[in-house]
C-alpha atoms as a PDB file:
ATOM      1  CA  MET A   1       0.006  -0.087  -0.205  1.00  0.00           C
ATOM      2  CA  MET A   2       1.122   3.531  -0.971  1.00  0.00           C
ATOM      3  CA  ILE A   3       1.298   6.089   1.720  1.00  0.00           C
ATOM      4  CA  MET A   4       0.996   9.697   0.517  1.00  0.00           C
ATOM      5  CA  PRO A   5       3.136  12.324   0.518  1.00  0.00           C
ATOM      6  CA  ARG A   6       2.366  15.128   3.618  1.00  0.00           C
ATOM      7  CA  THR A   7       5.542  17.704   2.463  1.00  0.00           C
ATOM      8  CA  VAL A   8       6.144  19.372  -0.187  1.00  0.00           C
ATOM      9  CA  GLN A   9       9.557  17.715  -0.392  1.00  0.00           C
ATOM     10  CA  ASP A  10       7.901  14.140   0.019  1.00  0.00           C
ATOM     11  CA  ILE A  11       6.087  15.257  -3.029  1.00  0.00           C
ATOM     12  CA  LEU A  12       9.228  16.192  -4.502  1.00  0.00           C
ATOM     13  CA  ASP A  13      11.159  13.632  -3.071  1.00  0.00           C
ATOM     14  CA  HIS A  14       8.115  10.567  -4.530  1.00  0.00           C
ATOM     15  CA  ALA A  15       8.030  12.799  -8.232  1.00  0.00           C
ATOM     16  CA  ASP A  16      11.927  11.810  -8.217  1.00  0.00           C
ATOM     17  CA  GLU A  17      11.868   8.475  -7.370  1.00  0.00           C
ATOM     18  CA  LEU A  18       8.653   8.106 -10.136  1.00  0.00           C
ATOM     19  CA  ALA A  19      10.716   9.432 -12.751  1.00  0.00           C
ATOM     20  CA  LYS A  20      13.814   7.282 -11.825  1.00  0.00           C
ATOM     21  CA  ARG A  21      11.964   4.341 -12.266  1.00  0.00           C
ATOM     22  CA  PHE A  22      10.122   6.048 -16.056  1.00  0.00           C
ATOM     23  CA  GLU A  23      13.917   6.820 -16.756  1.00  0.00           C
ATOM     24  CA  ASP A  24      15.662   2.924 -15.930  1.00  0.00           C
ATOM     25  CA  TYR A  25      12.455   1.056 -17.244  1.00  0.00           C
ATOM     26  CA  GLU A  26      13.479  -1.984 -20.015  1.00  0.00           C
ATOM     27  CA  PRO A  27      11.021  -3.612 -20.829  1.00  0.00           C
ATOM     28  CA  SER A  28      11.672  -7.320 -20.742  1.00  0.00           C
ATOM     29  CA  ARG A  29      10.831  -9.795 -24.025  1.00  0.00           C
ATOM     30  CA  ALA A  30       7.457 -10.850 -23.306  1.00  0.00           C
ATOM     31  CA  GLU A  31       6.632  -7.119 -22.953  1.00  0.00           C
ATOM     32  CA  GLU A  32       7.553  -5.619 -26.129  1.00  0.00           C
ATOM     33  CA  ARG A  33       5.034  -5.497 -28.401  1.00  0.00           C
ATOM     34  CA  ASP A  34       5.194  -5.845 -32.359  1.00  0.00           C
ATOM     35  CA  PRO A  35       4.111  -2.086 -33.736  1.00  0.00           C
ATOM     36  CA  GLN A  36       3.231  -4.152 -36.939  1.00  0.00           C
ATOM     37  CA  VAL A  37      -0.574  -5.389 -35.211  1.00  0.00           C
ATOM     38  CA  PHE A  38      -1.484  -2.492 -34.153  1.00  0.00           C
ATOM     39  CA  THR A  39      -1.427  -0.724 -37.544  1.00  0.00           C
ATOM     40  CA  GLU A  40      -2.940  -3.900 -39.186  1.00  0.00           C
ATOM     41  CA  LEU A  41      -5.950  -3.770 -36.610  1.00  0.00           C
ATOM     42  CA  ARG A  42      -6.319   0.156 -37.149  1.00  0.00           C
ATOM     43  CA  GLN A  43      -6.485  -0.563 -40.982  1.00  0.00           C
ATOM     44  CA  ALA A  44      -8.881  -3.719 -40.900  1.00  0.00           C
ATOM     45  CA  ILE A  45     -11.123  -0.800 -38.323  1.00  0.00           C
ATOM     46  CA  LEU A  46     -11.669   1.628 -40.981  1.00  0.00           C
ATOM     47  CA  ALA A  47     -12.172  -0.566 -43.520  1.00  0.00           C
ATOM     48  CA  ARG A  48     -14.758  -2.033 -41.509  1.00  0.00           C
ATOM     49  CA  ALA A  49     -15.920   1.645 -40.757  1.00  0.00           C
ATOM     50  CA  ASP A  50     -15.947   1.721 -44.832  1.00  0.00           C
ATOM     51  CA  ALA A  51     -17.794  -0.963 -44.982  1.00  0.00           C
ATOM     52  CA  GLU A  52     -20.834  -0.551 -42.834  1.00  0.00           C
ATOM     53  CA  ARG A  53     -21.201   3.034 -44.561  1.00  0.00           C
ATOM     54  CA  SER A  54     -21.040   2.028 -47.888  1.00  0.00           C
ATOM     55  CA  ILE A  55     -23.595  -0.628 -46.900  1.00  0.00           C
ATOM     56  CA  LYS A  56     -25.852   2.282 -45.171  1.00  0.00           C
ATOM     57  CA  GLU A  57     -25.411   3.682 -48.512  1.00  0.00           C
ATOM     58  CA  ALA A  58     -26.531   0.834 -50.574  1.00  0.00           C
ATOM     59  CA  VAL A  59     -29.398  -0.359 -48.577  1.00  0.00           C
ATOM     60  CA  SER A  60     -30.853   2.684 -48.407  1.00  0.00           C
ATOM     61  CA  ARG A  61     -30.563   3.333 -52.880  1.00  0.00           C
ATOM     62  CA  GLY A  62     -31.954  -0.022 -52.337  1.00  0.00           C
ATOM     63  CA  ARG A  63     -35.379   0.484 -50.467  1.00  0.00           C
ATOM     64  CA  LYS A  64     -36.075   3.743 -53.115  1.00  0.00           C
ATOM     65  CA  ASP A  65     -35.832   1.327 -55.793  1.00  0.00           C
ATOM     66  CA  GLY A  66     -38.752  -0.754 -53.907  1.00  0.00           C
ATOM     67  CA  TYR A  67     -36.638  -3.670 -52.565  1.00  0.00           C
ATOM     68  CA  SER A  68     -38.349  -5.868 -49.900  1.00  0.00           C
ATOM     69  CA  TRP A  69     -36.289  -5.620 -46.307  1.00  0.00           C
ATOM     70  CA  SER A  70     -36.506  -9.804 -47.188  1.00  0.00           C
ATOM     71  CA  PHE A  71     -34.327  -9.155 -49.867  1.00  0.00           C
ATOM     72  CA  ILE A  72     -32.228  -7.275 -48.487  1.00  0.00           C
ATOM     73  CA  GLY A  73     -31.667  -8.830 -45.669  1.00  0.00           C
ATOM     74  CA  SER A  74     -31.090 -12.466 -47.644  1.00  0.00           C
ATOM     75  CA  LEU A  75     -27.981 -10.430 -49.194  1.00  0.00           C
ATOM     76  CA  ILE A  76     -26.685  -9.385 -45.801  1.00  0.00           C
ATOM     77  CA  GLY A  77     -27.552 -12.798 -44.812  1.00  0.00           C
ATOM     78  CA  THR A  78     -30.249 -12.127 -41.536  1.00  0.00           C
ATOM     79  CA  SER A  79     -33.978 -11.401 -41.570  1.00  0.00           C
ATOM     80  CA  GLY A  80     -35.251  -8.984 -43.530  1.00  0.00           C
ATOM     81  CA  GLU A  81     -36.775  -7.621 -39.477  1.00  0.00           C
ATOM     82  CA  ALA A  82     -33.272  -7.540 -38.667  1.00  0.00           C
ATOM     83  CA  ALA A  83     -31.808  -5.675 -41.423  1.00  0.00           C
ATOM     84  CA  ARG A  84     -34.587  -3.133 -41.408  1.00  0.00           C
ATOM     85  CA  GLN A  85     -33.470  -2.382 -37.409  1.00  0.00           C
ATOM     86  CA  ARG A  86     -30.089  -2.066 -37.897  1.00  0.00           C
ATOM     87  CA  TYR A  87     -30.290   0.050 -41.445  1.00  0.00           C
ATOM     88  CA  GLY A  88     -34.021   1.216 -41.129  1.00  0.00           C
ATOM     89  CA  HIS A  89     -35.280   4.722 -40.889  1.00  0.00           C
ATOM     90  CA  LYS A  90     -38.644   6.163 -39.379  1.00  0.00           C
ATOM     91  CA  GLN A  91     -39.591   7.087 -43.440  1.00  0.00           C
ATOM     92  CA  ASP A  92     -38.419   2.740 -43.793  1.00  0.00           C
ATOM     93  CA  ALA A  93     -40.932   1.270 -41.492  1.00  0.00           C
END
């Protein structure tokens, strides 16, 4: 359990101790992370967001052209009701 510093000097000493721990820190092999994984995951998340935006736009166009929720749901891989709940707007209900 850490005891909170009480005087200004205690606070400064504690800050110095933390700074030294930070400066002296060397990660072990087990703590190292491959930055490529972060990059790939971030790119995949951005691609997923773009794909979701494209799906929403296509569903909207499909509904304007008269396609049923059942048909749209079958293309998405879900029921028409699930597609309507996810992509529908009040005017499409």
